[in-house]
C-alpha atoms as a PDB file:
ATOM      1  CA  MET A   1       0.119   0.105  -0.228  1.00  0.00           C
ATOM      2  CA  PRO A   2       2.602   2.531   0.752  1.00  0.00           C
ATOM      3  CA  PRO A   3       3.593   3.012  -3.283  1.00  0.00           C
ATOM      4  CA  ARG A   4      -0.537   3.741  -3.698  1.00  0.00           C
ATOM      5  CA  ALA A   5       0.042   6.140  -0.901  1.00  0.00           C
ATOM      6  CA  SER A   6       3.107   8.076  -2.520  1.00  0.00           C
ATOM      7  CA  SER A   7       1.075   8.052  -6.368  1.00  0.00           C
ATOM      8  CA  SER A   8      -1.796  10.167  -4.753  1.00  0.00           C
ATOM      9  CA  LYS A   9       0.106  12.563  -2.605  1.00  0.00           C
ATOM     10  CA  THR A  10       2.059  13.402  -5.743  1.00  0.00           C
ATOM     11  CA  THR A  11      -1.111  13.407  -7.834  1.00  0.00           C
ATOM     12  CA  ILE A  12      -2.532  16.117  -5.243  1.00  0.00           C
ATOM     13  CA  ILE A  13       0.731  17.835  -5.051  1.00  0.00           C
ATOM     14  CA  ALA A  14       0.275  17.916  -9.426  1.00  0.00           C
ATOM     15  CA  GLY A  15      -2.942  19.572  -9.153  1.00  0.00           C
ATOM     16  CA  ILE A  16      -2.218  22.025  -6.612  1.00  0.00           C
ATOM     17  CA  LEU A  17       0.534  23.290  -8.810  1.00  0.00           C
ATOM     18  CA  ALA A  18      -1.473  23.358 -11.495  1.00  0.00           C
ATOM     19  CA  GLY A  19      -4.174  25.408 -10.137  1.00  0.00           C
ATOM     20  CA  LEU A  20      -1.312  27.767  -8.914  1.00  0.00           C
ATOM     21  CA  LEU A  21      -0.030  27.929 -12.396  1.00  0.00           C
ATOM     22  CA  ALA A  22      -3.635  28.409 -13.871  1.00  0.00           C
ATOM     23  CA  ALA A  23      -4.427  31.362 -11.280  1.00  0.00           C
ATOM     24  CA  GLY A  24      -0.908  33.172 -11.884  1.00  0.00           C
ATOM     25  CA  LEU A  25      -1.829  33.207 -15.972  1.00  0.00           C
ATOM     26  CA  VAL A  26      -5.060  34.182 -14.949  1.00  0.00           C
ATOM     27  CA  ALA A  27      -3.577  37.247 -12.931  1.00  0.00           C
ATOM     28  CA  PHE A  28      -0.886  38.172 -15.257  1.00  0.00           C
ATOM     29  CA  TYR A  29      -3.534  38.184 -18.076  1.00  0.00           C
ATOM     30  CA  LEU A  30      -5.974  40.500 -15.701  1.00  0.00           C
ATOM     31  CA  HIS A  31      -2.940  42.712 -15.008  1.00  0.00           C
ATOM     32  CA  GLN A  32      -1.917  43.152 -18.934  1.00  0.00           C
ATOM     33  CA  GLN A  33      -5.383  43.990 -19.707  1.00  0.00           C
ATOM     34  CA  SER A  34      -5.832  46.218 -16.892  1.00  0.00           C
ATOM     35  CA  ALA A  35      -2.374  48.065 -17.893  1.00  0.00           C
ATOM     36  CA  PRO A  36      -2.622  51.197 -19.969  1.00  0.00           C
ATOM     37  CA  HIS A  37      -1.508  50.681 -23.092  1.00  0.00           C
ATOM     38  CA  GLY A  38       2.123  52.199 -24.163  1.00  0.00           C
ATOM     39  CA  GLY A  39       2.241  52.390 -19.995  1.00  0.00           C
ATOM     40  CA  ASN A  40       2.089  56.012 -20.529  1.00  0.00           C
ATOM     41  CA  ALA A  41       0.225  57.930 -17.566  1.00  0.00           C
ATOM     42  CA  ALA A  42      -0.382  61.127 -19.928  1.00  0.00           C
ATOM     43  CA  SER A  43      -2.334  58.901 -22.319  1.00  0.00           C
ATOM     44  CA  SER A  44      -4.436  57.249 -19.585  1.00  0.00           C
ATOM     45  CA  GLN A  45      -5.442  60.439 -18.362  1.00  0.00           C
ATOM     46  CA  ALA A  46      -6.085  62.035 -21.517  1.00  0.00           C
ATOM     47  CA  ALA A  47      -8.265  58.943 -22.257  1.00  0.00           C
ATOM     48  CA  GLN A  48     -10.158  59.334 -18.886  1.00  0.00           C
ATOM     49  CA  GLU A  49     -10.931  62.883 -20.034  1.00  0.00           C
ATOM     50  CA  GLN A  50     -12.480  61.923 -23.585  1.00  0.00           C
ATOM     51  CA  ASN A  51     -14.417  59.469 -21.797  1.00  0.00           C
ATOM     52  CA  ALA A  52     -15.696  61.964 -19.093  1.00  0.00           C
ATOM     53  CA  ARG A  53     -16.577  64.249 -22.117  1.00  0.00           C
ATOM     54  CA  ALA A  54     -18.566  61.515 -23.922  1.00  0.00           C
ATOM     55  CA  VAL A  55     -20.622  60.992 -20.562  1.00  0.00           C
ATOM     56  CA  ASP A  56     -21.281  64.549 -20.258  1.00  0.00           C
ATOM     57  CA  ALA A  57     -22.617  64.800 -23.897  1.00  0.00           C
ATOM     58  CA  LEU A  58     -24.772  61.645 -23.246  1.00  0.00           C
ATOM     59  CA  MET A  59     -26.150  63.553 -20.014  1.00  0.00           C
ATOM     60  CA  ALA A  60     -26.970  66.571 -22.118  1.00  0.00           C
ATOM     61  CA  LEU A  61     -29.314  65.201 -23.975  1.00  0.00           C
ATOM     62  CA  PRO A  62     -32.776  66.321 -22.980  1.00  0.00           C
ATOM     63  CA  GLU A  63     -33.926  62.552 -22.929  1.00  0.00           C
ATOM     64  CA  ILE A  64     -31.425  61.388 -20.364  1.00  0.00           C
ATOM     65  CA  LYS A  65     -32.293  64.512 -18.267  1.00  0.00           C
ATOM     66  CA  ALA A  66     -35.997  64.152 -18.298  1.00  0.00           C
ATOM     67  CA  TRP A  67     -35.603  60.473 -17.549  1.00  0.00           C
ATOM     68  CA  SER A  68     -33.372  60.978 -14.626  1.00  0.00           C
ATOM     69  CA  ALA A  69     -35.799  63.852 -13.162  1.00  0.00           C
ATOM     70  CA  HIS A  70     -38.904  61.201 -14.032  1.00  0.00           C
ATOM     71  CA  ILE A  71     -36.891  58.170 -11.668  1.00  0.00           C
ATOM     72  CA  GLU A  72     -35.888  60.796  -9.289  1.00  0.00           C
ATOM     73  CA  LYS A  73     -39.623  61.824  -8.613  1.00  0.00           C
ATOM     74  CA  ALA A  74     -41.024  58.490  -9.376  1.00  0.00           C
ATOM     75  CA  THR A  75     -39.129  56.790  -6.473  1.00  0.00           C
ATOM     76  CA  GLY A  76     -39.054  59.513  -4.310  1.00  0.00           C
ATOM     77  CA  GLY A  77     -35.124  59.821  -4.546  1.00  0.00           C
ATOM     78  CA  ARG A  78     -34.356  55.806  -3.866  1.00  0.00           C
ATOM     79  CA  SER A  79     -33.754  55.502  -7.419  1.00  0.00           C
ATOM     80  CA  HIS A  80     -31.612  57.349 -10.051  1.00  0.00           C
ATOM     81  CA  GLY A  81     -30.916  57.719 -13.583  1.00  0.00           C
ATOM     82  CA  ALA A  82     -27.029  56.938 -14.743  1.00  0.00           C
ATOM     83  CA  VAL A  83     -25.020  56.668 -17.209  1.00  0.00           C
ATOM     84  CA  MET A  84     -22.011  53.706 -17.329  1.00  0.00           C
ATOM     85  CA  GLU A  85     -19.932  52.157 -19.707  1.00  0.00           C
ATOM     86  CA  THR A  86     -21.292  49.218 -20.969  1.00  0.00           C
ATOM     87  CA  SER A  87     -18.103  47.255 -22.000  1.00  0.00           C
ATOM     88  CA  PRO A  88     -14.484  48.610 -21.083  1.00  0.00           C
ATOM     89  CA  GLU A  89     -13.655  47.985 -25.099  1.00  0.00           C
ATOM     90  CA  THR A  90     -14.190  51.066 -27.152  1.00  0.00           C
ATOM     91  CA  ARG A  91     -15.754  50.437 -30.293  1.00  0.00           C
ATOM     92  CA  LEU A  92     -14.643  51.655 -33.840  1.00  0.00           C
ATOM     93  CA  VAL A  93     -17.264  53.159 -35.760  1.00  0.00           C
ATOM     94  CA  ASP A  94     -16.858  54.292 -39.573  1.00  0.00           C
ATOM     95  CA  GLY A  95     -13.069  54.582 -38.752  1.00  0.00           C
ATOM     96  CA  VAL A  96     -13.884  56.792 -35.238  1.00  0.00           C
ATOM     97  CA  VAL A  97     -12.920  54.797 -31.962  1.00  0.00           C
ATOM     98  CA  CYS A  98     -16.125  55.280 -29.519  1.00  0.00           C
ATOM     99  CA  TYR A  99     -17.438  54.583 -26.073  1.00  0.00           C
ATOM    100  CA  GLN A 100     -20.060  52.119 -25.280  1.00  0.00           C
ATOM    101  CA  LEU A 101     -22.305  53.483 -22.637  1.00  0.00           C
ATOM    102  CA  SER A 102     -25.579  53.072 -21.450  1.00  0.00           C
ATOM    103  CA  PHE A 103     -28.230  54.778 -19.402  1.00  0.00           C
ATOM    104  CA  PHE A 104     -29.677  52.633 -16.119  1.00  0.00           C
ATOM    105  CA  GLU A 105     -32.295  53.230 -13.595  1.00  0.00           C
ATOM    106  CA  SER A 106     -30.520  52.239 -10.836  1.00  0.00           C
ATOM    107  CA  THR A 107     -32.272  50.867  -7.601  1.00  0.00           C
ATOM    108  CA  PRO A 108     -31.151  50.039  -4.345  1.00  0.00           C
ATOM    109  CA  ASP A 109     -31.653  46.120  -5.602  1.00  0.00           C
ATOM    110  CA  ALA A 110     -30.317  46.472  -9.008  1.00  0.00           C
ATOM    111  CA  ALA A 111     -29.823  48.225 -12.253  1.00  0.00           C
ATOM    112  CA  HIS A 112     -32.075  48.506 -15.266  1.00  0.00           C
ATOM    113  CA  ARG A 113     -30.906  49.629 -18.625  1.00  0.00           C
ATOM    114  CA  TRP A 114     -33.086  51.600 -20.296  1.00  0.00           C
ATOM    115  CA  GLU A 115     -30.721  52.469 -23.293  1.00  0.00           C
ATOM    116  CA  SER A 116     -27.341  51.962 -24.981  1.00  0.00           C
ATOM    117  CA  PHE A 117     -25.210  54.560 -26.927  1.00  0.00           C
ATOM    118  CA  VAL A 118     -21.878  55.218 -28.570  1.00  0.00           C
ATOM    119  CA  VAL A 119     -20.322  58.230 -28.391  1.00  0.00           C
ATOM    120  CA  THR A 120     -17.178  59.580 -29.608  1.00  0.00           C
ATOM    121  CA  PRO A 121     -14.466  60.666 -27.253  1.00  0.00           C
ATOM    122  CA  ASP A 122     -15.122  64.623 -28.114  1.00  0.00           C
ATOM    123  CA  GLY A 123     -19.086  63.938 -27.661  1.00  0.00           C
ATOM    124  CA  LYS A 124     -20.135  65.593 -31.085  1.00  0.00           C
ATOM    125  CA  ARG A 125     -21.885  62.244 -32.506  1.00  0.00           C
ATOM    126  CA  ILE A 126     -24.385  60.199 -30.360  1.00  0.00           C
ATOM    127  CA  LEU A 127     -25.477  57.259 -31.473  1.00  0.00           C
ATOM    128  CA  VAL A 128     -28.115  54.877 -30.370  1.00  0.00           C
ATOM    129  CA  ASP A 129     -27.072  50.994 -30.349  1.00  0.00           C
ATOM    130  CA  ASP A 130     -30.312  48.647 -31.152  1.00  0.00           C
ATOM    131  CA  ILE A 131     -28.933  45.920 -29.125  1.00  0.00           C
ATOM    132  CA  VAL A 132     -31.844  43.605 -30.719  1.00  0.00           C
ATOM    133  CA  SER A 133     -30.551  44.080 -34.271  1.00  0.00           C
ATOM    134  CA  GLY A 134     -27.030  45.359 -33.684  1.00  0.00           C
ATOM    135  CA  ASP A 135     -27.775  48.482 -35.454  1.00  0.00           C
ATOM    136  CA  LEU A 136     -26.629  51.457 -34.576  1.00  0.00           C
ATOM    137  CA  ILE A 137     -29.109  54.423 -35.607  1.00  0.00           C
ATOM    138  CA  SER A 138     -28.890  58.374 -35.176  1.00  0.00           C
ATOM    139  CA  LEU A 139     -30.508  60.494 -32.519  1.00  0.00           C
ATOM    140  CA  GLU A 140     -33.180  61.669 -34.908  1.00  0.00           C
ATOM    141  CA  GLN A 141     -34.353  58.176 -36.076  1.00  0.00           C
ATOM    142  CA  TRP A 142     -34.394  57.054 -32.530  1.00  0.00           C
ATOM    143  CA  ARG A 143     -36.293  60.028 -31.477  1.00  0.00           C
ATOM    144  CA  LYS A 144     -39.110  59.559 -34.594  1.00  0.00           C
ATOM    145  CA  ASP A 145     -39.178  56.013 -34.139  1.00  0.00           C
ATOM    146  CA  ASN A 146     -39.353  55.149 -30.300  1.00  0.00           C
ATOM    147  CA  ALA A 147     -40.520  58.542 -29.153  1.00  0.00           C
ATOM    148  CA  PRO A 148     -38.078  58.386 -26.227  1.00  0.00           C
ATOM    149  CA  MET A 149     -40.004  60.889 -24.093  1.00  0.00           C
ATOM    150  CA  GLN A 150     -43.262  59.140 -24.004  1.00  0.00           C
ATOM    151  CA  ARG A 151     -41.507  56.454 -22.243  1.00  0.00           C
ATOM    152  CA  ILE A 152     -41.787  58.398 -19.045  1.00  0.00           C
ATOM    153  CA  ALA A 153     -45.220  60.007 -20.191  1.00  0.00           C
ATOM    154  CA  THR A 154     -46.617  56.160 -19.961  1.00  0.00           C
ATOM    155  CA  GLN A 155     -45.075  55.111 -16.374  1.00  0.00           C
END
């Protein structure tokens, strides 16, 4: 029986080492993904400023302002409207890198997505991301087809 006990110890040790190696590789991969590309703090700061401009442009839309005010009023301040990055990955649209942002209703229990958008870093172009069809539509088309201001009139 002693050879069998030694064999099981070897198997256990090999399993532990394999697990540690896998965990180390995952940690290394995640660290590489989160490190600023180019290793330049200035480029990271510029990206944060561009992201903030994109968020500000989206928050300035009349629909987003009205939705936020409606959520606050309807819930007595228990819930709030929020714009959050949907994906840390940017999206290339017509050769321009854009941020993927969504408007959420943030409740004490969960966040509920109302709409998704794609916004240029300067905030000058905002498209609505139809997550069902995968199409991007202009704000004008979205307003015409979906009447987003009616959403708060019926709630």
